PDB file of N, CA and C in Angstrom:
ATOM      1  N   MET A   1     183.879-270.710 -14.783  1.00  0.00           N
ATOM      2  CA  MET A   1     183.104-270.306 -13.606  1.00  0.00           C
ATOM      3  C   MET A   1     182.776-271.574 -12.777  1.00  0.00           C
ATOM      4  N   GLY A   2     182.970-271.584 -11.505  1.00  0.00           N
ATOM      5  CA  GLY A   2     182.796-272.672 -10.660  1.00  0.00           C
ATOM      6  C   GLY A   2     182.504-272.325  -9.262  1.00  0.00           C
ATOM      7  N   ASP A   3     182.444-273.456  -8.482  1.00  0.00           N
ATOM      8  CA  ASP A   3     182.227-273.278  -6.979  1.00  0.00           C
ATOM      9  C   ASP A   3     182.668-274.515  -6.426  1.00  0.00           C
ATOM     10  N   SER A   4     182.831-274.529  -5.031  1.00  0.00           N
ATOM     11  CA  SER A   4     183.175-275.752  -4.345  1.00  0.00           C
ATOM     12  C   SER A   4     182.614-275.717  -3.032  1.00  0.00           C
ATOM     13  N   PHE A   5     182.498-276.959  -2.381  1.00  0.00           N
ATOM     14  CA  PHE A   5     182.101-276.921  -0.905  1.00  0.00           C
ATOM     15  C   PHE A   5     182.789-278.209  -0.318  1.00  0.00           C
ATOM     16  N   SER A   6     182.901-278.125   0.989  1.00  0.00           N
ATOM     17  CA  SER A   6     183.453-279.225   1.638  1.00  0.00           C
ATOM     18  C   SER A   6     182.531-279.759   2.684  1.00  0.00           C
ATOM     19  N   TYR A   7     182.757-281.133   3.000  1.00  0.00           N
ATOM     20  CA  TYR A   7     181.875-281.881   3.943  1.00  0.00           C
ATOM     21  C   TYR A   7     182.619-282.838   4.650  1.00  0.00           C
ATOM     22  N   GLU A   8     182.093-283.371   5.764  1.00  0.00           N
ATOM     23  CA  GLU A   8     182.616-284.575   6.390  1.00  0.00           C
ATOM     24  C   GLU A   8     181.478-285.425   6.955  1.00  0.00           C
ATOM     25  N   GLU A   9     181.761-286.676   7.130  1.00  0.00           N
ATOM     26  CA  GLU A   9     180.720-287.579   7.607  1.00  0.00           C
ATOM     27  C   GLU A   9     180.931-287.936   9.176  1.00  0.00           C
ATOM     28  N   TYR A  10     179.910-288.245   9.722  1.00  0.00           N
ATOM     29  CA  TYR A  10     179.936-288.558  11.241  1.00  0.00           C
ATOM     30  C   TYR A  10     179.033-289.713  11.359  1.00  0.00           C
ATOM     31  N   ASP A  11     179.607-290.868  11.944  1.00  0.00           N
ATOM     32  CA  ASP A  11     178.958-292.237  12.195  1.00  0.00           C
ATOM     33  C   ASP A  11     178.357-292.309  13.597  1.00  0.00           C
ATOM     34  N   GLY A  12     178.333-291.221  14.343  1.00  0.00           N
ATOM     35  CA  GLY A  12     177.899-291.196  15.734  1.00  0.00           C
ATOM     36  C   GLY A  12     178.936-291.368  16.750  1.00  0.00           C
ATOM     37  N   GLN A  13     180.178-291.717  16.282  1.00  0.00           N
ATOM     38  CA  GLN A  13     181.239-291.801  17.097  1.00  0.00           C
ATOM     39  C   GLN A  13     182.477-291.093  16.600  1.00  0.00           C
ATOM     40  N   ASN A  14     182.707-291.069  15.236  1.00  0.00           N
ATOM     41  CA  ASN A  14     183.927-290.461  14.775  1.00  0.00           C
ATOM     42  C   ASN A  14     183.697-289.742  13.515  1.00  0.00           C
ATOM     43  N   ASP A  15     184.361-288.674  13.298  1.00  0.00           N
ATOM     44  CA  ASP A  15     184.287-287.835  11.996  1.00  0.00           C
ATOM     45  C   ASP A  15     185.236-288.387  10.988  1.00  0.00           C
ATOM     46  N   SER A  16     184.846-288.290   9.793  1.00  0.00           N
ATOM     47  CA  SER A  16     185.642-288.747   8.633  1.00  0.00           C
ATOM     48  C   SER A  16     186.647-287.566   8.364  1.00  0.00           C
ATOM     49  N   ASN A  17     187.398-287.950   7.323  1.00  0.00           N
ATOM     50  CA  ASN A  17     188.297-286.790   6.746  1.00  0.00           C
ATOM     51  C   ASN A  17     187.381-285.890   5.985  1.00  0.00           C
ATOM     52  N   VAL A  18     187.870-284.603   5.731  1.00  0.00           N
ATOM     53  CA  VAL A  18     187.053-283.745   5.043  1.00  0.00           C
ATOM     54  C   VAL A  18     187.220-283.901   3.481  1.00  0.00           C
ATOM     55  N   ALA A  19     186.128-283.873   2.833  1.00  0.00           N
ATOM     56  CA  ALA A  19     186.156-284.074   1.281  1.00  0.00           C
ATOM     57  C   ALA A  19     185.688-282.774   0.697  1.00  0.00           C
ATOM     58  N   THR A  20     186.231-282.429  -0.438  1.00  0.00           N
ATOM     59  CA  THR A  20     185.866-281.153  -1.169  1.00  0.00           C
ATOM     60  C   THR A  20     185.263-281.548  -2.523  1.00  0.00           C
ATOM     61  N   VAL A  21     184.238-280.965  -2.765  1.00  0.00           N
ATOM     62  CA  VAL A  21     183.519-281.138  -4.059  1.00  0.00           C
ATOM     63  C   VAL A  21     183.719-279.849  -4.860  1.00  0.00           C
ATOM     64  N   SER A  22     184.235-279.925  -6.046  1.00  0.00           N
ATOM     65  CA  SER A  22     184.310-278.819  -6.998  1.00  0.00           C
ATOM     66  C   SER A  22     183.403-278.957  -8.206  1.00  0.00           C
ATOM     67  N   ILE A  23     182.697-277.874  -8.485  1.00  0.00           N
ATOM     68  CA  ILE A  23     181.795-277.777  -9.556  1.00  0.00           C
ATOM     69  C   ILE A  23     182.173-276.814 -10.556  1.00  0.00           C
ATOM     70  N   ASN A  24     182.458-277.173 -11.768  1.00  0.00           N
ATOM     71  CA  ASN A  24     182.792-276.285 -12.926  1.00  0.00           C
ATOM     72  C   ASN A  24     181.725-276.164 -13.874  1.00  0.00           C
ATOM     73  N   LEU A  25     181.400-274.991 -14.261  1.00  0.00           N
ATOM     74  CA  LEU A  25     180.300-274.762 -15.293  1.00  0.00           C
ATOM     75  C   LEU A  25     181.001-274.437 -16.594  1.00  0.00           C
ATOM     76  N   TYR A  26     180.603-275.126 -17.719  1.00  0.00           N
ATOM     77  CA  TYR A  26     181.101-274.827 -19.033  1.00  0.00           C
ATOM     78  C   TYR A  26     180.042-274.318 -19.986  1.00  0.00           C
ATOM     79  N   GLY A  27     180.383-273.649 -20.869  1.00  0.00           N
ATOM     80  CA  GLY A  27     179.381-273.292 -21.916  1.00  0.00           C
ATOM     81  C   GLY A  27     178.381-272.260 -21.525  1.00  0.00           C
ATOM     82  N   GLN A  28     178.627-271.572 -20.374  1.00  0.00           N
ATOM     83  CA  GLN A  28     177.615-270.605 -19.963  1.00  0.00           C
ATOM     84  C   GLN A  28     177.951-269.254 -20.478  1.00  0.00           C
ATOM     85  N   SER A  29     177.046-268.597 -21.122  1.00  0.00           N
ATOM     86  CA  SER A  29     177.165-267.207 -21.530  1.00  0.00           C
ATOM     87  C   SER A  29     176.608-266.214 -20.688  1.00  0.00           C
ATOM     88  N   GLN A  30     177.178-265.075 -20.520  1.00  0.00           N
ATOM     89  CA  GLN A  30     176.758-264.055 -19.553  1.00  0.00           C
ATOM     90  C   GLN A  30     175.489-263.405 -20.120  1.00  0.00           C
ATOM     91  N   PRO A  31     174.514-262.977 -19.161  1.00  0.00           N
ATOM     92  CA  PRO A  31     173.455-262.176 -19.624  1.00  0.00           C
ATOM     93  C   PRO A  31     173.842-260.865 -20.138  1.00  0.00           C
ATOM     94  N   TYR A  32     172.957-260.199 -20.901  1.00  0.00           N
ATOM     95  CA  TYR A  32     173.342-258.793 -21.371  1.00  0.00           C
ATOM     96  C   TYR A  32     172.264-257.879 -20.916  1.00  0.00           C
ATOM     97  N   ALA A  33     172.759-256.662 -20.728  1.00  0.00           N
ATOM     98  CA  ALA A  33     171.769-255.508 -20.248  1.00  0.00           C
ATOM     99  C   ALA A  33     171.962-254.428 -21.402  1.00  0.00           C
ATOM    100  N   GLN A  34     170.800-253.797 -21.652  1.00  0.00           N
ATOM    101  CA  GLN A  34     170.812-252.717 -22.669  1.00  0.00           C
ATOM    102  C   GLN A  34     170.446-251.441 -21.857  1.00  0.00           C
ATOM    103  N   MET A  35     170.849-250.296 -22.325  1.00  0.00           N
ATOM    104  CA  MET A  35     170.522-249.024 -21.701  1.00  0.00           C
ATOM    105  C   MET A  35     169.087-248.748 -21.769  1.00  0.00           C
ATOM    106  N   ASP A  36     168.524-248.113 -20.730  1.00  0.00           N
ATOM    107  CA  ASP A  36     167.098-247.632 -20.660  1.00  0.00           C
ATOM    108  C   ASP A  36     167.155-246.146 -20.346  1.00  0.00           C
ATOM    109  N   SER A  37     166.097-245.479 -20.646  1.00  0.00           N
ATOM    110  CA  SER A  37     165.963-244.086 -20.425  1.00  0.00           C
ATOM    111  C   SER A  37     164.429-243.771 -20.149  1.00  0.00           C
ATOM    112  N   TYR A  38     164.247-243.072 -19.073  1.00  0.00           N
ATOM    113  CA  TYR A  38     162.833-242.645 -18.717  1.00  0.00           C
ATOM    114  C   TYR A  38     162.906-241.208 -18.320  1.00  0.00           C
ATOM    115  N   SER A  39     161.729-240.492 -18.474  1.00  0.00           N
ATOM    116  CA  SER A  39     161.649-239.151 -18.110  1.00  0.00           C
ATOM    117  C   SER A  39     160.346-238.955 -17.309  1.00  0.00           C
ATOM    118  N   VAL A  40     160.500-237.964 -16.354  1.00  0.00           N
ATOM    119  CA  VAL A  40     159.356-237.663 -15.491  1.00  0.00           C
ATOM    120  C   VAL A  40     159.390-236.175 -15.166  1.00  0.00           C
ATOM    121  N   LEU A  41     158.217-235.563 -14.956  1.00  0.00           N
ATOM    122  CA  LEU A  41     158.184-234.154 -14.598  1.00  0.00           C
ATOM    123  C   LEU A  41     158.549-234.006 -13.197  1.00  0.00           C
ATOM    124  N   HIS A  42     159.154-232.899 -12.760  1.00  0.00           N
ATOM    125  CA  HIS A  42     159.578-232.579 -11.491  1.00  0.00           C
ATOM    126  C   HIS A  42     158.325-232.709 -10.562  1.00  0.00           C
ATOM    127  N   ASP A  43     158.562-233.343  -9.329  1.00  0.00           N
ATOM    128  CA  ASP A  43     157.461-233.453  -8.297  1.00  0.00           C
ATOM    129  C   ASP A  43     156.405-234.466  -8.850  1.00  0.00           C
ATOM    130  N   HIS A  44     156.696-235.312  -9.749  1.00  0.00           N
ATOM    131  CA  HIS A  44     155.684-236.309 -10.273  1.00  0.00           C
ATOM    132  C   HIS A  44     156.325-237.669 -10.054  1.00  0.00           C
ATOM    133  N   THR A  45     155.503-238.781 -10.085  1.00  0.00           N
ATOM    134  CA  THR A  45     155.967-240.114  -9.809  1.00  0.00           C
ATOM    135  C   THR A  45     155.867-240.909 -11.112  1.00  0.00           C
ATOM    136  N   LEU A  46     157.025-241.555 -11.358  1.00  0.00           N
ATOM    137  CA  LEU A  46     156.998-242.552 -12.636  1.00  0.00           C
ATOM    138  C   LEU A  46     156.887-243.928 -12.226  1.00  0.00           C
ATOM    139  N   ASN A  47     155.900-244.549 -12.738  1.00  0.00           N
ATOM    140  CA  ASN A  47     155.618-245.982 -12.414  1.00  0.00           C
ATOM    141  C   ASN A  47     155.838-246.767 -13.779  1.00  0.00           C
ATOM    142  N   VAL A  48     156.646-247.752 -13.774  1.00  0.00           N
ATOM    143  CA  VAL A  48     156.941-248.592 -14.970  1.00  0.00           C
ATOM    144  C   VAL A  48     156.650-249.981 -14.541  1.00  0.00           C
ATOM    145  N   ALA A  49     155.679-250.611 -15.248  1.00  0.00           N
ATOM    146  CA  ALA A  49     155.251-252.051 -14.960  1.00  0.00           C
ATOM    147  C   ALA A  49     156.319-253.069 -15.450  1.00  0.00           C
ATOM    148  N   ALA A  50     156.437-254.136 -14.831  1.00  0.00           N
ATOM    149  CA  ALA A  50     157.311-255.285 -15.278  1.00  0.00           C
ATOM    150  C   ALA A  50     156.936-255.620 -16.754  1.00  0.00           C
ATOM    151  N   PRO A  51     157.904-255.947 -17.503  1.00  0.00           N
ATOM    152  CA  PRO A  51     159.299-256.200 -17.168  1.00  0.00           C
ATOM    153  C   PRO A  51     160.102-254.987 -17.025  1.00  0.00           C
ATOM    154  N   GLY A  52     159.615-253.840 -17.297  1.00  0.00           N
ATOM    155  CA  GLY A  52     160.334-252.577 -17.126  1.00  0.00           C
ATOM    156  C   GLY A  52     161.791-252.568 -17.640  1.00  0.00           C
ATOM    157  N   VAL A  53     162.693-252.268 -16.813  1.00  0.00           N
ATOM    158  CA  VAL A  53     164.102-252.145 -17.337  1.00  0.00           C
ATOM    159  C   VAL A  53     164.679-253.525 -17.876  1.00  0.00           C
ATOM    160  N   LEU A  54     163.970-254.570 -17.614  1.00  0.00           N
ATOM    161  CA  LEU A  54     164.411-255.857 -18.191  1.00  0.00           C
ATOM    162  C   LEU A  54     163.834-256.164 -19.601  1.00  0.00           C
ATOM    163  N   SER A  55     162.966-255.346 -20.015  1.00  0.00           N
ATOM    164  CA  SER A  55     162.298-255.607 -21.303  1.00  0.00           C
ATOM    165  C   SER A  55     163.149-255.729 -22.523  1.00  0.00           C
ATOM    166  N   ASN A  56     164.342-255.119 -22.554  1.00  0.00           N
ATOM    167  CA  ASN A  56     165.289-255.179 -23.666  1.00  0.00           C
ATOM    168  C   ASN A  56     166.507-255.965 -23.260  1.00  0.00           C
ATOM    169  N   ASP A  57     166.578-256.638 -22.173  1.00  0.00           N
ATOM    170  CA  ASP A  57     167.632-257.436 -21.758  1.00  0.00           C
ATOM    171  C   ASP A  57     167.467-258.839 -21.982  1.00  0.00           C
ATOM    172  N   GLY A  58     168.533-259.693 -21.853  1.00  0.00           N
ATOM    173  CA  GLY A  58     168.309-261.086 -22.093  1.00  0.00           C
ATOM    174  C   GLY A  58     169.387-261.954 -21.623  1.00  0.00           C
ATOM    175  N   ASP A  59     169.219-263.196 -21.768  1.00  0.00           N
ATOM    176  CA  ASP A  59     170.267-264.171 -21.331  1.00  0.00           C
ATOM    177  C   ASP A  59     170.318-265.251 -22.434  1.00  0.00           C
ATOM    178  N   PRO A  60     171.502-265.506 -23.032  1.00  0.00           N
ATOM    179  CA  PRO A  60     171.610-266.512 -24.095  1.00  0.00           C
ATOM    180  C   PRO A  60     171.198-267.842 -23.703  1.00  0.00           C
ATOM    181  N   ASN A  61     171.343-268.153 -22.335  1.00  0.00           N
ATOM    182  CA  ASN A  61     170.839-269.465 -21.910  1.00  0.00           C
ATOM    183  C   ASN A  61     169.463-269.505 -21.508  1.00  0.00           C
ATOM    184  N   HIS A  62     168.613-268.491 -21.780  1.00  0.00           N
ATOM    185  CA  HIS A  62     167.199-268.427 -21.397  1.00  0.00           C
ATOM    186  C   HIS A  62     167.010-268.534 -19.996  1.00  0.00           C
ATOM    187  N   LEU A  63     167.847-268.148 -19.109  1.00  0.00           N
ATOM    188  CA  LEU A  63     167.617-268.135 -17.667  1.00  0.00           C
ATOM    189  C   LEU A  63     166.771-266.971 -17.253  1.00  0.00           C
ATOM    190  N   HIS A  64     166.142-267.070 -16.202  1.00  0.00           N
ATOM    191  CA  HIS A  64     165.352-265.914 -15.561  1.00  0.00           C
ATOM    192  C   HIS A  64     166.225-264.809 -15.076  1.00  0.00           C
ATOM    193  N   LEU A  65     165.887-263.534 -15.555  1.00  0.00           N
ATOM    194  CA  LEU A  65     166.729-262.421 -15.024  1.00  0.00           C
ATOM    195  C   LEU A  65     166.041-261.718 -14.006  1.00  0.00           C
ATOM    196  N   THR A  66     166.862-261.107 -12.977  1.00  0.00           N
ATOM    197  CA  THR A  66     166.310-260.259 -11.967  1.00  0.00           C
ATOM    198  C   THR A  66     167.150-258.944 -12.042  1.00  0.00           C
ATOM    199  N   ALA A  67     166.462-257.907 -11.725  1.00  0.00           N
ATOM    200  CA  ALA A  67     167.185-256.592 -11.759  1.00  0.00           C
ATOM    201  C   ALA A  67     167.720-256.272 -10.332  1.00  0.00           C
ATOM    202  N   VAL A  68     168.809-255.642 -10.256  1.00  0.00           N
ATOM    203  CA  VAL A  68     169.575-255.356  -9.042  1.00  0.00           C
ATOM    204  C   VAL A  68     170.074-253.966  -9.235  1.00  0.00           C
ATOM    205  N   LEU A  69     169.719-253.077  -8.299  1.00  0.00           N
ATOM    206  CA  LEU A  69     170.212-251.733  -8.278  1.00  0.00           C
ATOM    207  C   LEU A  69     171.643-251.696  -7.885  1.00  0.00           C
ATOM    208  N   GLU A  70     172.544-251.178  -8.835  1.00  0.00           N
ATOM    209  CA  GLU A  70     173.898-251.141  -8.524  1.00  0.00           C
ATOM    210  C   GLU A  70     174.356-249.797  -8.047  1.00  0.00           C
ATOM    211  N   THR A  71     173.786-248.661  -8.554  1.00  0.00           N
ATOM    212  CA  THR A  71     174.073-247.333  -8.274  1.00  0.00           C
ATOM    213  C   THR A  71     172.797-246.511  -8.058  1.00  0.00           C
ATOM    214  N   PRO A  72     172.502-246.000  -6.887  1.00  0.00           N
ATOM    215  CA  PRO A  72     171.239-245.250  -6.685  1.00  0.00           C
ATOM    216  C   PRO A  72     171.302-243.941  -7.331  1.00  0.00           C
ATOM    217  N   PRO A  73     170.155-243.343  -7.707  1.00  0.00           N
ATOM    218  CA  PRO A  73     170.195-242.026  -8.331  1.00  0.00           C
ATOM    219  C   PRO A  73     170.861-240.895  -7.398  1.00  0.00           C
ATOM    220  N   SER A  74     171.473-239.901  -7.978  1.00  0.00           N
ATOM    221  CA  SER A  74     172.020-238.832  -7.204  1.00  0.00           C
ATOM    222  C   SER A  74     171.048-237.944  -6.728  1.00  0.00           C
ATOM    223  N   THR A  75     169.803-237.790  -7.223  1.00  0.00           N
ATOM    224  CA  THR A  75     168.720-236.953  -6.815  1.00  0.00           C
ATOM    225  C   THR A  75     167.417-237.783  -6.877  1.00  0.00           C
ATOM    226  N   GLY A  76     166.456-237.470  -6.040  1.00  0.00           N
ATOM    227  CA  GLY A  76     165.253-238.141  -6.074  1.00  0.00           C
ATOM    228  C   GLY A  76     165.312-239.578  -5.393  1.00  0.00           C
ATOM    229  N   SER A  77     164.331-240.422  -5.505  1.00  0.00           N
ATOM    230  CA  SER A  77     164.382-241.649  -4.969  1.00  0.00           C
ATOM    231  C   SER A  77     163.912-242.709  -5.973  1.00  0.00           C
ATOM    232  N   LEU A  78     164.263-243.918  -5.832  1.00  0.00           N
ATOM    233  CA  LEU A  78     164.035-244.948  -6.782  1.00  0.00           C
ATOM    234  C   LEU A  78     163.805-246.258  -5.962  1.00  0.00           C
ATOM    235  N   THR A  79     162.671-246.874  -6.352  1.00  0.00           N
ATOM    236  CA  THR A  79     162.452-248.369  -5.938  1.00  0.00           C
ATOM    237  C   THR A  79     162.485-249.229  -7.161  1.00  0.00           C
ATOM    238  N   LEU A  80     163.545-249.946  -7.242  1.00  0.00           N
ATOM    239  CA  LEU A  80     163.821-250.922  -8.434  1.00  0.00           C
ATOM    240  C   LEU A  80     163.375-252.314  -7.853  1.00  0.00           C
ATOM    241  N   ASN A  81     162.329-252.937  -8.441  1.00  0.00           N
ATOM    242  CA  ASN A  81     161.980-254.283  -7.978  1.00  0.00           C
ATOM    243  C   ASN A  81     162.676-255.281  -8.844  1.00  0.00           C
ATOM    244  N   SER A  82     162.806-256.497  -8.267  1.00  0.00           N
ATOM    245  CA  SER A  82     163.649-257.475  -8.981  1.00  0.00           C
ATOM    246  C   SER A  82     162.989-257.875 -10.309  1.00  0.00           C
ATOM    247  N   ASP A  83     161.673-257.717 -10.521  1.00  0.00           N
ATOM    248  CA  ASP A  83     161.151-258.009 -11.764  1.00  0.00           C
ATOM    249  C   ASP A  83     161.217-256.919 -12.854  1.00  0.00           C
ATOM    250  N   GLY A  84     162.090-255.835 -12.540  1.00  0.00           N
ATOM    251  CA  GLY A  84     162.395-254.855 -13.467  1.00  0.00           C
ATOM    252  C   GLY A  84     161.448-253.729 -13.433  1.00  0.00           C
ATOM    253  N   SER A  85     160.347-253.811 -12.611  1.00  0.00           N
ATOM    254  CA  SER A  85     159.383-252.637 -12.541  1.00  0.00           C
ATOM    255  C   SER A  85     160.068-251.526 -11.500  1.00  0.00           C
ATOM    256  N   LEU A  86     159.536-250.346 -11.707  1.00  0.00           N
ATOM    257  CA  LEU A  86     160.016-249.316 -10.839  1.00  0.00           C
ATOM    258  C   LEU A  86     158.902-248.373 -10.614  1.00  0.00           C
TER     259      LEU A  86
END
């Protein structure tokens, strides 16, 4: 996994050539997500405090996780917060 960016220098009169910096990351392991299941009665609201859906997930590198909604529900409405609460 990696990334890169390019830059050039300017001395007030002339631009330099473009230089590219490449950054490669080694030894990084991907975070893992576990399935979650919640139930709520019809016409009621379900509130789940943080860490919510993140409570059973983790990162082997001990990095901070954030929740991101990939697929919205087919019925009803959902507000998923980045801290895992809903």
